[in-house]
């Protein structure tokens, strides 16, 4: 792994979590303070209802918090939506945009994802931009074309505070994981696309892998060339599982 990119392991809690689950965030905080994440940066993205309380739990620790979505607008008549500025005010440092579940279940277009990414940068948040192909697209041989199109239409104008997460849609929550060769090929492709869009800057963008990342496969996945970390779903809900994944960097070459 290139020395210039610090590994990042982010947990996406999705629509899970109640006040009692702050104990899991507290356990993550304690584990990180104890050095169990090695050199990796740790981000937890709880539901927005827990964000401020999670901020209090993580105060004084290296653990950063993220949100799972934001509205492009700064404020206004947008009932039920939350702006990037509100998330920043609540204690978030990161925000996920363009997750396949948002793209599919909420019909979010690449243009909308790009607007959300721009709003996050405007508010001073780092962006985790998700891209990935469906099973039908992969079977049809269109995986690279699909990811290139998503990147081209979703990327913000600035790469300085950008993270890209490659999540093959067919692997999210299914227990199915692409081969190491497939992941390496796609991550290398994404790196090339980033360099094309951000000459000289694309090589600095961290590219995460997401899609059925589990304690038992984390070390293998995180060791793949051009994989700079992981966006973890279900396994991030339990501190013990999440920290096994992050702990892979204790044995992998640190930056």
C-alpha atoms as a PDB file:
ATOM      1  CA  UNK A   1       0.000   0.000   0.000  1.00  0.00           C
ATOM      2  CA  UNK A   2       1.470   3.361  -0.969  1.00  0.00           C
ATOM      3  CA  UNK A   3       2.857   5.278   1.974  1.00  0.00           C
ATOM      4  CA  UNK A   4       0.973   8.431   1.060  1.00  0.00           C
ATOM      5  CA  UNK A   5      -2.490   6.969   1.785  1.00  0.00           C
ATOM      6  CA  UNK A   6      -3.522   6.229   5.347  1.00  0.00           C
ATOM      7  CA  UNK A   7      -5.868   3.228   5.619  1.00  0.00           C
ATOM      8  CA  UNK A   8      -9.485   3.992   6.451  1.00  0.00           C
ATOM      9  CA  UNK A   9     -12.027   1.605   7.933  1.00  0.00           C
ATOM     10  CA  UNK A  10     -15.554   3.013   8.083  1.00  0.00           C
ATOM     11  CA  UNK A  11     -18.631   1.405   9.581  1.00  0.00           C
ATOM     12  CA  UNK A  12     -21.996   2.053   7.957  1.00  0.00           C
ATOM     13  CA  UNK A  13     -24.707   1.214  10.486  1.00  0.00           C
ATOM     14  CA  UNK A  14     -27.476   1.844   7.940  1.00  0.00           C
ATOM     15  CA  UNK A  15     -30.971   1.939   9.550  1.00  0.00           C
ATOM     16  CA  UNK A  16     -29.830   0.263  12.744  1.00  0.00           C
ATOM     17  CA  UNK A  17     -29.074   1.475  16.234  1.00  0.00           C
ATOM     18  CA  UNK A  18     -30.804   2.682  19.371  1.00  0.00           C
ATOM     19  CA  UNK A  19     -29.455   4.543  22.388  1.00  0.00           C
ATOM     20  CA  UNK A  20     -28.334   1.283  23.983  1.00  0.00           C
ATOM     21  CA  UNK A  21     -26.062   0.639  21.007  1.00  0.00           C
ATOM     22  CA  UNK A  22     -23.890   3.579  21.988  1.00  0.00           C
ATOM     23  CA  UNK A  23     -22.150   0.972  24.137  1.00  0.00           C
ATOM     24  CA  UNK A  24     -20.780  -0.532  20.923  1.00  0.00           C
ATOM     25  CA  UNK A  25     -19.402   2.853  19.885  1.00  0.00           C
ATOM     26  CA  UNK A  26     -17.858   3.222  23.321  1.00  0.00           C
ATOM     27  CA  UNK A  27     -16.209  -0.174  22.879  1.00  0.00           C
ATOM     28  CA  UNK A  28     -14.850   0.886  19.487  1.00  0.00           C
ATOM     29  CA  UNK A  29     -13.478   4.041  21.068  1.00  0.00           C
ATOM     30  CA  UNK A  30     -11.733   2.065  23.800  1.00  0.00           C
ATOM     31  CA  UNK A  31     -10.264  -0.402  21.311  1.00  0.00           C
ATOM     32  CA  UNK A  32      -8.910   2.364  19.101  1.00  0.00           C
ATOM     33  CA  UNK A  33      -7.374   4.134  22.099  1.00  0.00           C
ATOM     34  CA  UNK A  34      -5.755   0.813  23.016  1.00  0.00           C
ATOM     35  CA  UNK A  35      -4.088   0.693  19.595  1.00  0.00           C
ATOM     36  CA  UNK A  36      -6.141  -2.125  18.091  1.00  0.00           C
ATOM     37  CA  UNK A  37      -6.637  -0.255  14.790  1.00  0.00           C
ATOM     38  CA  UNK A  38      -2.902   0.280  14.325  1.00  0.00           C
ATOM     39  CA  UNK A  39      -2.383   3.108  11.824  1.00  0.00           C
ATOM     40  CA  UNK A  40      -5.890   2.940  10.340  1.00  0.00           C
ATOM     41  CA  UNK A  41      -8.303   5.849  10.563  1.00  0.00           C
ATOM     42  CA  UNK A  42     -11.615   4.737  12.063  1.00  0.00           C
ATOM     43  CA  UNK A  43     -14.980   6.251  11.157  1.00  0.00           C
ATOM     44  CA  UNK A  44     -18.374   5.173  12.468  1.00  0.00           C
ATOM     45  CA  UNK A  45     -21.524   6.240  10.608  1.00  0.00           C
ATOM     46  CA  UNK A  46     -24.489   5.699  12.946  1.00  0.00           C
ATOM     47  CA  UNK A  47     -28.053   6.781  12.180  1.00  0.00           C
ATOM     48  CA  UNK A  48     -28.464  10.537  12.456  1.00  0.00           C
ATOM     49  CA  UNK A  49     -30.535  10.064  15.625  1.00  0.00           C
ATOM     50  CA  UNK A  50     -27.390   8.912  17.447  1.00  0.00           C
ATOM     51  CA  UNK A  51     -24.891  11.285  15.905  1.00  0.00           C
ATOM     52  CA  UNK A  52     -24.673  13.887  18.664  1.00  0.00           C
ATOM     53  CA  UNK A  53     -24.626  11.312  21.453  1.00  0.00           C
ATOM     54  CA  UNK A  54     -21.978   9.329  19.595  1.00  0.00           C
ATOM     55  CA  UNK A  55     -19.954  12.527  19.394  1.00  0.00           C
ATOM     56  CA  UNK A  56     -19.994  12.793  23.150  1.00  0.00           C
ATOM     57  CA  UNK A  57     -18.922   9.157  23.473  1.00  0.00           C
ATOM     58  CA  UNK A  58     -16.010   9.636  21.068  1.00  0.00           C
ATOM     59  CA  UNK A  59     -14.879  13.017  22.387  1.00  0.00           C
ATOM     60  CA  UNK A  60     -11.133  13.118  22.947  1.00  0.00           C
ATOM     61  CA  UNK A  61     -10.496   9.994  20.870  1.00  0.00           C
ATOM     62  CA  UNK A  62      -9.258   9.484  17.308  1.00  0.00           C
ATOM     63  CA  UNK A  63     -12.589   7.920  16.273  1.00  0.00           C
ATOM     64  CA  UNK A  64     -14.388  10.077  13.742  1.00  0.00           C
ATOM     65  CA  UNK A  65     -18.091  10.097  12.967  1.00  0.00           C
ATOM     66  CA  UNK A  66     -19.890  10.162   9.677  1.00  0.00           C
ATOM     67  CA  UNK A  67     -23.434  10.451   8.413  1.00  0.00           C
ATOM     68  CA  UNK A  68     -25.080   8.212   5.842  1.00  0.00           C
ATOM     69  CA  UNK A  69     -26.564  10.856   3.551  1.00  0.00           C
ATOM     70  CA  UNK A  70     -27.171  14.587   3.225  1.00  0.00           C
ATOM     71  CA  UNK A  71     -29.398  16.961   1.303  1.00  0.00           C
ATOM     72  CA  UNK A  72     -27.763  19.219  -1.315  1.00  0.00           C
ATOM     73  CA  UNK A  73     -29.450  22.317   0.099  1.00  0.00           C
ATOM     74  CA  UNK A  74     -27.984  24.246   3.016  1.00  0.00           C
ATOM     75  CA  UNK A  75     -31.368  24.919   4.610  1.00  0.00           C
ATOM     76  CA  UNK A  76     -34.943  25.696   3.635  1.00  0.00           C
ATOM     77  CA  UNK A  77     -38.312  24.017   3.066  1.00  0.00           C
ATOM     78  CA  UNK A  78     -37.096  20.423   2.770  1.00  0.00           C
ATOM     79  CA  UNK A  79     -39.206  18.504   5.269  1.00  0.00           C
ATOM     80  CA  UNK A  80     -37.434  15.478   6.690  1.00  0.00           C
ATOM     81  CA  UNK A  81     -34.069  16.218   5.092  1.00  0.00           C
ATOM     82  CA  UNK A  82     -30.800  17.009   6.840  1.00  0.00           C
ATOM     83  CA  UNK A  83     -28.195  19.325   5.357  1.00  0.00           C
ATOM     84  CA  UNK A  84     -24.450  18.800   5.361  1.00  0.00           C
ATOM     85  CA  UNK A  85     -24.097  21.881   7.538  1.00  0.00           C
ATOM     86  CA  UNK A  86     -26.442  20.337  10.125  1.00  0.00           C
ATOM     87  CA  UNK A  87     -24.387  17.158  10.110  1.00  0.00           C
ATOM     88  CA  UNK A  88     -21.193  19.126  10.601  1.00  0.00           C
ATOM     89  CA  UNK A  89     -22.832  20.986  13.489  1.00  0.00           C
ATOM     90  CA  UNK A  90     -23.897  17.665  15.026  1.00  0.00           C
ATOM     91  CA  UNK A  91     -20.316  16.396  15.062  1.00  0.00           C
ATOM     92  CA  UNK A  92     -19.859  14.574  11.762  1.00  0.00           C
ATOM     93  CA  UNK A  93     -16.537  14.662   9.933  1.00  0.00           C
ATOM     94  CA  UNK A  94     -17.602  12.443   7.018  1.00  0.00           C
ATOM     95  CA  UNK A  95     -20.719  11.712   5.011  1.00  0.00           C
ATOM     96  CA  UNK A  96     -21.538   8.788   2.725  1.00  0.00           C
ATOM     97  CA  UNK A  97     -23.132   9.702  -0.600  1.00  0.00           C
ATOM     98  CA  UNK A  98     -24.293   7.578  -3.497  1.00  0.00           C
ATOM     99  CA  UNK A  99     -24.659   4.295  -1.633  1.00  0.00           C
ATOM    100  CA  UNK A 100     -26.325   1.707  -3.838  1.00  0.00           C
ATOM    101  CA  UNK A 101     -29.250   1.482  -1.433  1.00  0.00           C
ATOM    102  CA  UNK A 102     -29.877   5.207  -1.897  1.00  0.00           C
ATOM    103  CA  UNK A 103     -29.423   4.974  -5.661  1.00  0.00           C
ATOM    104  CA  UNK A 104     -31.819   2.019  -5.928  1.00  0.00           C
ATOM    105  CA  UNK A 105     -34.415   2.587  -3.194  1.00  0.00           C
ATOM    106  CA  UNK A 106     -34.595   6.375  -3.567  1.00  0.00           C
ATOM    107  CA  UNK A 107     -33.868   6.616  -7.305  1.00  0.00           C
ATOM    108  CA  UNK A 108     -30.882   8.880  -6.713  1.00  0.00           C
ATOM    109  CA  UNK A 109     -29.225   9.908  -9.949  1.00  0.00           C
ATOM    110  CA  UNK A 110     -25.519  10.496 -10.481  1.00  0.00           C
ATOM    111  CA  UNK A 111     -26.281  14.211 -10.758  1.00  0.00           C
ATOM    112  CA  UNK A 112     -27.973  14.217  -7.357  1.00  0.00           C
ATOM    113  CA  UNK A 113     -25.088  12.283  -5.828  1.00  0.00           C
ATOM    114  CA  UNK A 114     -22.660  14.826  -7.241  1.00  0.00           C
ATOM    115  CA  UNK A 115     -24.729  17.662  -5.766  1.00  0.00           C
ATOM    116  CA  UNK A 116     -24.685  15.974  -2.373  1.00  0.00           C
ATOM    117  CA  UNK A 117     -20.923  15.485  -2.575  1.00  0.00           C
ATOM    118  CA  UNK A 118     -20.493  19.152  -3.402  1.00  0.00           C
ATOM    119  CA  UNK A 119     -22.716  20.135  -0.490  1.00  0.00           C
ATOM    120  CA  UNK A 120     -20.652  18.008   1.881  1.00  0.00           C
ATOM    121  CA  UNK A 121     -17.433  19.666   0.747  1.00  0.00           C
ATOM    122  CA  UNK A 122     -19.105  23.061   1.091  1.00  0.00           C
ATOM    123  CA  UNK A 123     -19.863  22.259   4.728  1.00  0.00           C
ATOM    124  CA  UNK A 124     -16.350  21.060   5.472  1.00  0.00           C
ATOM    125  CA  UNK A 125     -17.114  17.335   5.510  1.00  0.00           C
ATOM    126  CA  UNK A 126     -15.060  14.597   3.895  1.00  0.00           C
ATOM    127  CA  UNK A 127     -16.995  12.593   1.302  1.00  0.00           C
ATOM    128  CA  UNK A 128     -17.215   8.815   0.974  1.00  0.00           C
ATOM    129  CA  UNK A 129     -18.588   8.401  -2.556  1.00  0.00           C
ATOM    130  CA  UNK A 130     -19.942   4.938  -3.370  1.00  0.00           C
ATOM    131  CA  UNK A 131     -19.880   3.300  -6.790  1.00  0.00           C
ATOM    132  CA  UNK A 132     -20.498  -0.248  -7.945  1.00  0.00           C
ATOM    133  CA  UNK A 133     -22.157  -2.451 -10.500  1.00  0.00           C
ATOM    134  CA  UNK A 134     -25.120  -4.832 -10.244  1.00  0.00           C
ATOM    135  CA  UNK A 135     -24.836  -8.542 -10.844  1.00  0.00           C
ATOM    136  CA  UNK A 136     -26.543  -8.184 -14.227  1.00  0.00           C
ATOM    137  CA  UNK A 137     -24.020  -5.551 -15.288  1.00  0.00           C
ATOM    138  CA  UNK A 138     -21.103  -7.729 -14.236  1.00  0.00           C
ATOM    139  CA  UNK A 139     -22.472 -10.796 -15.998  1.00  0.00           C
ATOM    140  CA  UNK A 140     -22.966  -8.678 -19.123  1.00  0.00           C
ATOM    141  CA  UNK A 141     -19.331  -7.570 -18.995  1.00  0.00           C
ATOM    142  CA  UNK A 142     -20.341  -3.964 -18.290  1.00  0.00           C
ATOM    143  CA  UNK A 143     -18.914  -3.569 -14.763  1.00  0.00           C
ATOM    144  CA  UNK A 144     -16.066  -1.264 -15.760  1.00  0.00           C
ATOM    145  CA  UNK A 145     -18.308   0.791 -18.006  1.00  0.00           C
ATOM    146  CA  UNK A 146     -20.863   1.229 -15.242  1.00  0.00           C
ATOM    147  CA  UNK A 147     -18.334   2.270 -12.605  1.00  0.00           C
ATOM    148  CA  UNK A 148     -16.641   4.673 -15.025  1.00  0.00           C
ATOM    149  CA  UNK A 149     -19.997   6.279 -15.794  1.00  0.00           C
ATOM    150  CA  UNK A 150     -20.866   6.638 -12.109  1.00  0.00           C
ATOM    151  CA  UNK A 151     -17.520   8.225 -11.330  1.00  0.00           C
ATOM    152  CA  UNK A 152     -17.681  10.570 -14.284  1.00  0.00           C
ATOM    153  CA  UNK A 153     -21.108  11.890 -13.334  1.00  0.00           C
ATOM    154  CA  UNK A 154     -20.898  11.696  -9.522  1.00  0.00           C
ATOM    155  CA  UNK A 155     -17.451  13.020  -8.651  1.00  0.00           C
ATOM    156  CA  UNK A 156     -17.266  16.495  -7.104  1.00  0.00           C
ATOM    157  CA  UNK A 157     -14.870  19.094  -8.454  1.00  0.00           C
ATOM    158  CA  UNK A 158     -12.386  18.724  -5.603  1.00  0.00           C
ATOM    159  CA  UNK A 159     -10.499  15.544  -4.712  1.00  0.00           C
ATOM    160  CA  UNK A 160      -8.792  16.906  -1.597  1.00  0.00           C
ATOM    161  CA  UNK A 161     -11.422  15.574   0.820  1.00  0.00           C
ATOM    162  CA  UNK A 162     -12.693  12.666  -1.225  1.00  0.00           C
ATOM    163  CA  UNK A 163     -12.801   8.928  -0.519  1.00  0.00           C
ATOM    164  CA  UNK A 164     -14.244   6.480  -3.049  1.00  0.00           C
ATOM    165  CA  UNK A 165     -15.823   3.209  -1.938  1.00  0.00           C
ATOM    166  CA  UNK A 166     -16.196   0.450  -4.511  1.00  0.00           C
ATOM    167  CA  UNK A 167     -19.135  -1.705  -3.500  1.00  0.00           C
ATOM    168  CA  UNK A 168     -20.299  -4.334  -5.976  1.00  0.00           C
ATOM    169  CA  UNK A 169     -24.057  -4.198  -5.457  1.00  0.00           C
ATOM    170  CA  UNK A 170     -24.397  -7.965  -5.735  1.00  0.00           C
ATOM    171  CA  UNK A 171     -21.997  -8.475  -2.802  1.00  0.00           C
ATOM    172  CA  UNK A 172     -23.592  -6.081  -0.300  1.00  0.00           C
ATOM    173  CA  UNK A 173     -25.135  -8.015   2.567  1.00  0.00           C
ATOM    174  CA  UNK A 174     -25.182 -11.258   0.592  1.00  0.00           C
ATOM    175  CA  UNK A 175     -22.127 -12.977   2.023  1.00  0.00           C
ATOM    176  CA  UNK A 176     -20.771 -13.254  -1.518  1.00  0.00           C
ATOM    177  CA  UNK A 177     -17.383 -11.655  -2.121  1.00  0.00           C
ATOM    178  CA  UNK A 178     -15.638 -11.077  -5.478  1.00  0.00           C
ATOM    179  CA  UNK A 179     -12.319 -12.785  -6.007  1.00  0.00           C
ATOM    180  CA  UNK A 180      -9.157 -10.981  -4.968  1.00  0.00           C
ATOM    181  CA  UNK A 181      -8.265 -10.672  -8.645  1.00  0.00           C
ATOM    182  CA  UNK A 182     -11.613  -9.051  -9.444  1.00  0.00           C
ATOM    183  CA  UNK A 183     -11.233  -6.571  -6.595  1.00  0.00           C
ATOM    184  CA  UNK A 184      -7.661  -5.716  -7.553  1.00  0.00           C
ATOM    185  CA  UNK A 185      -8.676  -5.163 -11.169  1.00  0.00           C
ATOM    186  CA  UNK A 186     -11.574  -2.883 -10.274  1.00  0.00           C
ATOM    187  CA  UNK A 187      -9.575  -0.885  -7.755  1.00  0.00           C
ATOM    188  CA  UNK A 188      -6.804  -0.410 -10.287  1.00  0.00           C
ATOM    189  CA  UNK A 189      -9.409   0.738 -12.794  1.00  0.00           C
ATOM    190  CA  UNK A 190     -10.931   3.180 -10.306  1.00  0.00           C
ATOM    191  CA  UNK A 191      -7.468   4.554  -9.562  1.00  0.00           C
ATOM    192  CA  UNK A 192      -6.923   5.167 -13.260  1.00  0.00           C
ATOM    193  CA  UNK A 193     -10.264   6.921 -13.571  1.00  0.00           C
ATOM    194  CA  UNK A 194      -9.482   9.141 -10.593  1.00  0.00           C
ATOM    195  CA  UNK A 195      -6.171  10.124 -12.124  1.00  0.00           C
ATOM    196  CA  UNK A 196      -7.953  10.940 -15.379  1.00  0.00           C
ATOM    197  CA  UNK A 197     -10.432  13.217 -13.587  1.00  0.00           C
ATOM    198  CA  UNK A 198      -7.901  14.644 -11.111  1.00  0.00           C
ATOM    199  CA  UNK A 199      -4.463  14.591 -12.758  1.00  0.00           C
ATOM    200  CA  UNK A 200      -1.848  14.309 -10.040  1.00  0.00           C
ATOM    201  CA  UNK A 201      -4.530  14.208  -7.351  1.00  0.00           C
ATOM    202  CA  UNK A 202      -6.247  10.923  -8.063  1.00  0.00           C
ATOM    203  CA  UNK A 203      -3.362   8.931  -6.620  1.00  0.00           C
ATOM    204  CA  UNK A 204      -3.999  10.553  -3.230  1.00  0.00           C
ATOM    205  CA  UNK A 205      -7.672   9.529  -3.018  1.00  0.00           C
ATOM    206  CA  UNK A 206      -8.296   6.525  -0.805  1.00  0.00           C
ATOM    207  CA  UNK A 207     -10.301   3.762  -2.486  1.00  0.00           C
ATOM    208  CA  UNK A 208     -12.145   1.477  -0.087  1.00  0.00           C
ATOM    209  CA  UNK A 209     -13.675  -1.914  -0.711  1.00  0.00           C
ATOM    210  CA  UNK A 210     -17.158  -2.700   0.581  1.00  0.00           C
ATOM    211  CA  UNK A 211     -19.346  -5.735   0.128  1.00  0.00           C
ATOM    212  CA  UNK A 212     -19.597  -8.549   2.693  1.00  0.00           C
ATOM    213  CA  UNK A 213     -16.425  -7.525   4.515  1.00  0.00           C
ATOM    214  CA  UNK A 214     -16.242  -9.803   7.556  1.00  0.00           C
ATOM    215  CA  UNK A 215     -13.715 -10.623  10.265  1.00  0.00           C
ATOM    216  CA  UNK A 216     -12.778 -13.860   8.521  1.00  0.00           C
ATOM    217  CA  UNK A 217     -11.944 -12.266   5.149  1.00  0.00           C
ATOM    218  CA  UNK A 218     -10.720  -8.813   6.213  1.00  0.00           C
ATOM    219  CA  UNK A 219      -6.992  -9.544   6.228  1.00  0.00           C
ATOM    220  CA  UNK A 220      -7.127 -10.976   2.704  1.00  0.00           C
ATOM    221  CA  UNK A 221      -9.268  -8.138   1.319  1.00  0.00           C
ATOM    222  CA  UNK A 222      -7.315  -5.305   2.920  1.00  0.00           C
ATOM    223  CA  UNK A 223      -4.028  -6.690   1.625  1.00  0.00           C
ATOM    224  CA  UNK A 224      -5.140  -6.412  -2.026  1.00  0.00           C
ATOM    225  CA  UNK A 225      -3.266  -3.902  -4.168  1.00  0.00           C
ATOM    226  CA  UNK A 226      -4.938  -0.456  -4.284  1.00  0.00           C
ATOM    227  CA  UNK A 227      -7.389  -1.328  -1.496  1.00  0.00           C
ATOM    228  CA  UNK A 228      -6.971   1.467   1.045  1.00  0.00           C
ATOM    229  CA  UNK A 229      -9.461   0.209   3.587  1.00  0.00           C
ATOM    230  CA  UNK A 230     -13.053  -0.929   3.897  1.00  0.00           C
ATOM    231  CA  UNK A 231     -16.598   0.349   4.122  1.00  0.00           C
ATOM    232  CA  UNK A 232     -18.164  -2.183   6.468  1.00  0.00           C
ATOM    233  CA  UNK A 233     -21.882  -2.812   6.804  1.00  0.00           C
ATOM    234  CA  UNK A 234     -23.389  -5.369   9.174  1.00  0.00           C
ATOM    235  CA  UNK A 235     -20.097  -6.317  10.797  1.00  0.00           C
ATOM    236  CA  UNK A 236     -19.674  -2.739  12.038  1.00  0.00           C
ATOM    237  CA  UNK A 237     -22.649  -3.052  14.399  1.00  0.00           C
ATOM    238  CA  UNK A 238     -20.620  -5.121  16.850  1.00  0.00           C
ATOM    239  CA  UNK A 239     -17.424  -3.568  18.154  1.00  0.00           C
ATOM    240  CA  UNK A 240     -15.758  -6.972  18.472  1.00  0.00           C
ATOM    241  CA  UNK A 241     -16.290  -7.798  14.783  1.00  0.00           C
ATOM    242  CA  UNK A 242     -15.532  -4.305  13.529  1.00  0.00           C
ATOM    243  CA  UNK A 243     -12.271  -4.125  15.427  1.00  0.00           C
ATOM    244  CA  UNK A 244     -11.127  -7.498  14.099  1.00  0.00           C
ATOM    245  CA  UNK A 245     -11.538  -5.999  10.626  1.00  0.00           C
ATOM    246  CA  UNK A 246      -9.719  -2.791  11.555  1.00  0.00           C
ATOM    247  CA  UNK A 247      -7.148  -4.846  13.410  1.00  0.00           C
ATOM    248  CA  UNK A 248      -6.012  -6.398  10.140  1.00  0.00           C
ATOM    249  CA  UNK A 249      -3.791  -3.343   9.858  1.00  0.00           C
ATOM    250  CA  UNK A 250      -1.891  -4.508  12.911  1.00  0.00           C
ATOM    251  CA  UNK A 251      -0.381  -7.274  10.795  1.00  0.00           C
ATOM    252  CA  UNK A 252      -0.428  -5.619   7.389  1.00  0.00           C
ATOM    253  CA  UNK A 253       2.325  -3.198   6.407  1.00  0.00           C
ATOM    254  CA  UNK A 254       1.454   0.124   8.017  1.00  0.00           C
ATOM    255  CA  UNK A 255       1.860   3.373   6.085  1.00  0.00           C
END
